[in-house]
Each structure stands twice: as structure tokens, then as C-alpha cells.
């Protein structure tokens, strides 16, 4: 799924609804931020199953479910996967 498609799917969703997807060889978390703007976080799956996000800083997590809220700058309870 490309970034434009993910934005269209998320445009009327509540804050912290997210989609995990891949564009070419890049993984993304696309989500609605607290200002109701769709934001895209590129990340890589590092060695030994670590998830690493680079945007001036690095987050390392053993579990994707723990990484998602850190990358979205929110709590785990507020993150909601997108459902059609």
C-alpha cells in the first residue's frame, strides 16, 4: 500500500488509529496524530528481531506491539489498528 492510499484510509479516523504497511522495501506505521493529521513513520527490522526507528533518534524494542506506541509518541492503550 502506498502512502497516499494509507492517508485516504485514515483521513476520517480518530487519533492513534494506525496501519502497518510496506512501500517498496520500506516499512511504515501510518497513523493519525493528536492534531488529526496522518503521519508516516519509516522503520526497519534490525538484527535479532529489534525494531529500529530513525528520525534523529533510535528506538529499540523486542516486540512490535511495544514499538508501535513508542514510534507514535503515545501510550499502548491509545493505539488502535485500522479496521475496514
N, C-alpha and C. Protein backbone atom coordinates (compact mmCIF):
# COMPACT_ATOMS: atom_id res chain seq x y z
N UNK A 1 0.85 -1.17 0.00
CA UNK A 1 0.00 0.00 0.00
C UNK A 1 0.90 1.23 0.00
N UNK A 2 0.62 2.19 -0.87
CA UNK A 2 1.42 3.40 -0.89
C UNK A 2 0.96 4.39 0.18
N UNK A 3 1.74 5.45 0.39
CA UNK A 3 1.45 6.42 1.45
C UNK A 3 0.15 7.19 1.19
N UNK A 4 -0.13 7.50 -0.05
CA UNK A 4 -1.36 8.24 -0.38
C UNK A 4 -2.59 7.40 -0.05
N UNK A 5 -2.56 6.12 -0.38
CA UNK A 5 -3.68 5.23 -0.06
C UNK A 5 -3.88 5.14 1.44
N UNK A 6 -2.80 5.00 2.18
CA UNK A 6 -2.93 4.92 3.64
C UNK A 6 -3.51 6.22 4.21
N UNK A 7 -3.13 7.36 3.66
CA UNK A 7 -3.69 8.64 4.11
C UNK A 7 -5.19 8.70 3.85
N UNK A 8 -5.62 8.26 2.68
CA UNK A 8 -7.05 8.26 2.35
C UNK A 8 -7.84 7.36 3.29
N UNK A 9 -7.27 6.20 3.62
CA UNK A 9 -7.97 5.28 4.52
C UNK A 9 -8.08 5.85 5.94
N UNK A 10 -7.08 6.60 6.36
CA UNK A 10 -7.03 7.10 7.74
C UNK A 10 -7.62 8.50 7.92
N UNK A 11 -7.95 9.20 6.85
CA UNK A 11 -8.29 10.62 6.96
C UNK A 11 -9.47 10.94 7.87
N UNK A 12 -10.40 10.05 8.06
CA UNK A 12 -11.55 10.32 8.93
C UNK A 12 -11.51 9.51 10.23
N UNK A 13 -10.35 8.96 10.55
CA UNK A 13 -10.22 8.14 11.75
C UNK A 13 -9.83 9.00 12.96
N UNK A 14 -9.97 8.42 14.12
CA UNK A 14 -9.61 9.08 15.38
C UNK A 14 -8.09 9.07 15.56
N UNK A 15 -7.58 9.94 16.44
CA UNK A 15 -6.15 9.91 16.73
C UNK A 15 -5.68 8.53 17.19
N UNK A 16 -4.50 8.18 16.73
CA UNK A 16 -3.76 6.97 17.08
C UNK A 16 -4.32 5.69 16.48
N UNK A 17 -5.17 5.82 15.45
CA UNK A 17 -5.51 4.67 14.61
C UNK A 17 -4.35 4.54 13.62
N UNK A 18 -3.86 3.33 13.41
CA UNK A 18 -2.67 3.15 12.59
C UNK A 18 -2.82 1.98 11.61
N UNK A 19 -1.97 2.02 10.59
CA UNK A 19 -1.83 0.95 9.61
C UNK A 19 -0.34 0.61 9.51
N UNK A 20 -0.01 -0.65 9.58
CA UNK A 20 1.35 -1.12 9.29
C UNK A 20 1.37 -1.55 7.84
N UNK A 21 2.32 -1.05 7.07
CA UNK A 21 2.38 -1.43 5.65
C UNK A 21 3.78 -1.24 5.10
N UNK A 22 3.95 -1.70 3.89
CA UNK A 22 5.25 -1.63 3.22
C UNK A 22 5.11 -0.91 1.90
N UNK A 23 6.06 -0.02 1.62
CA UNK A 23 6.15 0.66 0.33
C UNK A 23 7.52 0.29 -0.24
N UNK A 24 7.52 -0.40 -1.35
CA UNK A 24 8.75 -0.97 -1.91
C UNK A 24 9.42 -1.82 -0.82
N UNK A 25 10.60 -1.46 -0.38
CA UNK A 25 11.29 -2.25 0.64
C UNK A 25 11.31 -1.54 1.99
N UNK A 26 10.49 -0.50 2.15
CA UNK A 26 10.46 0.28 3.39
C UNK A 26 9.19 -0.01 4.17
N UNK A 27 9.32 -0.29 5.46
CA UNK A 27 8.17 -0.50 6.34
C UNK A 27 7.72 0.82 6.95
N UNK A 28 6.40 0.97 7.13
CA UNK A 28 5.83 2.19 7.69
C UNK A 28 4.76 1.89 8.72
N UNK A 29 4.66 2.78 9.70
CA UNK A 29 3.47 2.91 10.54
C UNK A 29 2.86 4.23 10.10
N UNK A 30 1.70 4.18 9.49
CA UNK A 30 0.96 5.39 9.14
C UNK A 30 -0.14 5.53 10.17
N UNK A 31 -0.27 6.71 10.77
CA UNK A 31 -1.24 6.88 11.84
C UNK A 31 -1.77 8.31 11.89
N UNK A 32 -2.89 8.47 12.57
CA UNK A 32 -3.48 9.78 12.81
C UNK A 32 -2.88 10.31 14.11
N UNK A 33 -2.24 11.47 14.06
CA UNK A 33 -1.65 12.02 15.27
C UNK A 33 -2.68 12.83 16.07
N UNK A 34 -2.25 13.39 17.20
CA UNK A 34 -3.20 14.09 18.08
C UNK A 34 -3.78 15.35 17.44
N UNK A 35 -3.18 15.84 16.36
CA UNK A 35 -3.71 17.01 15.63
C UNK A 35 -4.59 16.59 14.46
N UNK A 36 -4.94 15.28 14.42
CA UNK A 36 -5.76 14.70 13.35
C UNK A 36 -5.12 14.80 11.97
N UNK A 37 -3.80 14.71 11.94
CA UNK A 37 -3.04 14.69 10.70
C UNK A 37 -2.44 13.31 10.54
N UNK A 38 -2.48 12.78 9.32
CA UNK A 38 -1.87 11.48 9.09
C UNK A 38 -0.36 11.66 9.00
N UNK A 39 0.34 10.83 9.74
CA UNK A 39 1.80 10.89 9.83
C UNK A 39 2.37 9.52 9.49
N UNK A 40 3.52 9.50 8.85
CA UNK A 40 4.14 8.25 8.43
C UNK A 40 5.49 8.10 9.12
N UNK A 41 5.69 6.97 9.78
CA UNK A 41 6.95 6.67 10.45
C UNK A 41 7.60 5.50 9.73
N UNK A 42 8.74 5.75 9.12
CA UNK A 42 9.50 4.68 8.48
C UNK A 42 10.29 3.95 9.55
N UNK A 43 10.37 2.63 9.43
CA UNK A 43 11.18 1.87 10.38
C UNK A 43 11.76 0.65 9.70
N UNK A 44 12.76 0.09 10.35
CA UNK A 44 13.39 -1.12 9.83
C UNK A 44 13.36 -2.19 10.91
N UNK A 45 13.36 -3.41 10.48
CA UNK A 45 13.52 -4.53 11.39
C UNK A 45 15.01 -4.82 11.45
N UNK A 46 15.59 -4.55 12.58
CA UNK A 46 17.02 -4.73 12.72
C UNK A 46 17.40 -6.16 13.03
N UNK A 47 18.65 -6.36 13.30
CA UNK A 47 19.16 -7.69 13.61
C UNK A 47 18.59 -8.19 14.92
N UNK A 48 18.47 -9.48 15.04
CA UNK A 48 17.97 -10.14 16.24
C UNK A 48 16.55 -9.73 16.60
N UNK A 49 15.73 -9.35 15.60
CA UNK A 49 14.33 -9.04 15.83
C UNK A 49 14.07 -7.68 16.44
N UNK A 50 15.08 -6.82 16.54
CA UNK A 50 14.89 -5.49 17.12
C UNK A 50 14.22 -4.59 16.08
N UNK A 51 13.33 -3.73 16.55
CA UNK A 51 12.68 -2.76 15.67
C UNK A 51 13.34 -1.41 15.91
N UNK A 52 13.80 -0.79 14.85
CA UNK A 52 14.56 0.44 15.00
C UNK A 52 13.92 1.54 14.16
N UNK A 53 13.69 2.68 14.77
CA UNK A 53 13.13 3.85 14.10
C UNK A 53 14.19 4.94 14.11
N UNK A 54 14.46 5.50 12.98
CA UNK A 54 15.47 6.56 12.92
C UNK A 54 14.85 7.84 12.39
N UNK A 55 14.88 8.85 13.20
CA UNK A 55 14.45 10.19 12.80
C UNK A 55 15.13 11.16 13.76
N UNK A 56 16.43 11.09 13.77
CA UNK A 56 17.19 11.88 14.72
C UNK A 56 17.43 11.15 16.03
N UNK A 57 16.77 10.03 16.23
CA UNK A 57 16.93 9.21 17.43
C UNK A 57 16.54 7.78 17.12
N UNK A 58 16.84 6.88 17.99
CA UNK A 58 16.62 5.45 17.75
C UNK A 58 15.78 4.85 18.86
N UNK A 59 14.82 4.03 18.49
CA UNK A 59 14.03 3.25 19.44
C UNK A 59 14.36 1.79 19.15
N UNK A 60 14.65 1.04 20.17
CA UNK A 60 14.88 -0.38 20.00
C UNK A 60 13.91 -1.13 20.89
N UNK A 61 13.23 -2.10 20.32
CA UNK A 61 12.22 -2.85 21.05
C UNK A 61 12.25 -4.30 20.60
N UNK A 62 12.02 -5.22 21.53
CA UNK A 62 11.97 -6.63 21.18
C UNK A 62 10.63 -7.03 20.56
N UNK A 63 9.57 -6.31 20.87
CA UNK A 63 8.23 -6.65 20.41
C UNK A 63 7.63 -5.51 19.60
N UNK A 64 7.02 -5.84 18.47
CA UNK A 64 6.39 -4.84 17.63
C UNK A 64 5.28 -4.11 18.40
N UNK A 65 4.51 -4.82 19.21
CA UNK A 65 3.41 -4.18 19.95
C UNK A 65 3.92 -3.16 20.97
N UNK A 66 5.16 -3.28 21.42
CA UNK A 66 5.76 -2.28 22.30
C UNK A 66 6.38 -1.14 21.51
N UNK A 67 6.87 -1.44 20.31
CA UNK A 67 7.49 -0.44 19.45
C UNK A 67 6.47 0.56 18.90
N UNK A 68 5.30 0.08 18.51
CA UNK A 68 4.30 0.94 17.85
C UNK A 68 3.97 2.19 18.67
N UNK A 69 3.59 2.09 19.94
CA UNK A 69 3.28 3.32 20.69
C UNK A 69 4.49 4.23 20.89
N UNK A 70 5.68 3.65 21.01
CA UNK A 70 6.88 4.48 21.14
C UNK A 70 7.10 5.30 19.87
N UNK A 71 6.94 4.67 18.72
CA UNK A 71 7.12 5.37 17.44
C UNK A 71 6.04 6.42 17.22
N UNK A 72 4.84 6.19 17.78
CA UNK A 72 3.72 7.12 17.62
C UNK A 72 3.67 8.16 18.75
N UNK A 73 4.60 8.10 19.67
CA UNK A 73 4.67 9.06 20.79
C UNK A 73 3.39 9.07 21.61
N UNK A 74 2.93 7.87 21.98
CA UNK A 74 1.71 7.76 22.76
C UNK A 74 1.79 6.50 23.63
N UNK A 75 0.69 6.19 24.29
CA UNK A 75 0.65 5.00 25.14
C UNK A 75 0.12 3.81 24.36
N UNK A 76 0.43 2.64 24.85
CA UNK A 76 -0.02 1.40 24.21
C UNK A 76 -1.55 1.32 24.17
N UNK A 77 -2.21 1.78 25.23
CA UNK A 77 -3.67 1.72 25.31
C UNK A 77 -4.37 2.59 24.26
N UNK A 78 -3.72 3.66 23.82
CA UNK A 78 -4.38 4.56 22.86
C UNK A 78 -4.21 4.12 21.41
N UNK A 79 -3.31 3.19 21.12
CA UNK A 79 -3.08 2.72 19.75
C UNK A 79 -4.16 1.75 19.32
N UNK A 80 -4.74 2.01 18.16
CA UNK A 80 -5.79 1.16 17.62
C UNK A 80 -5.50 0.82 16.18
N UNK A 81 -5.39 -0.45 15.82
CA UNK A 81 -5.19 -0.80 14.41
C UNK A 81 -6.41 -0.42 13.58
N UNK A 82 -6.15 -0.04 12.35
CA UNK A 82 -7.23 0.32 11.41
C UNK A 82 -8.01 -0.93 11.04
N UNK A 83 -9.34 -0.81 11.01
CA UNK A 83 -10.23 -1.88 10.54
C UNK A 83 -11.11 -1.30 9.45
N UNK A 84 -11.26 -2.02 8.35
CA UNK A 84 -12.11 -1.57 7.24
C UNK A 84 -13.55 -1.50 7.66
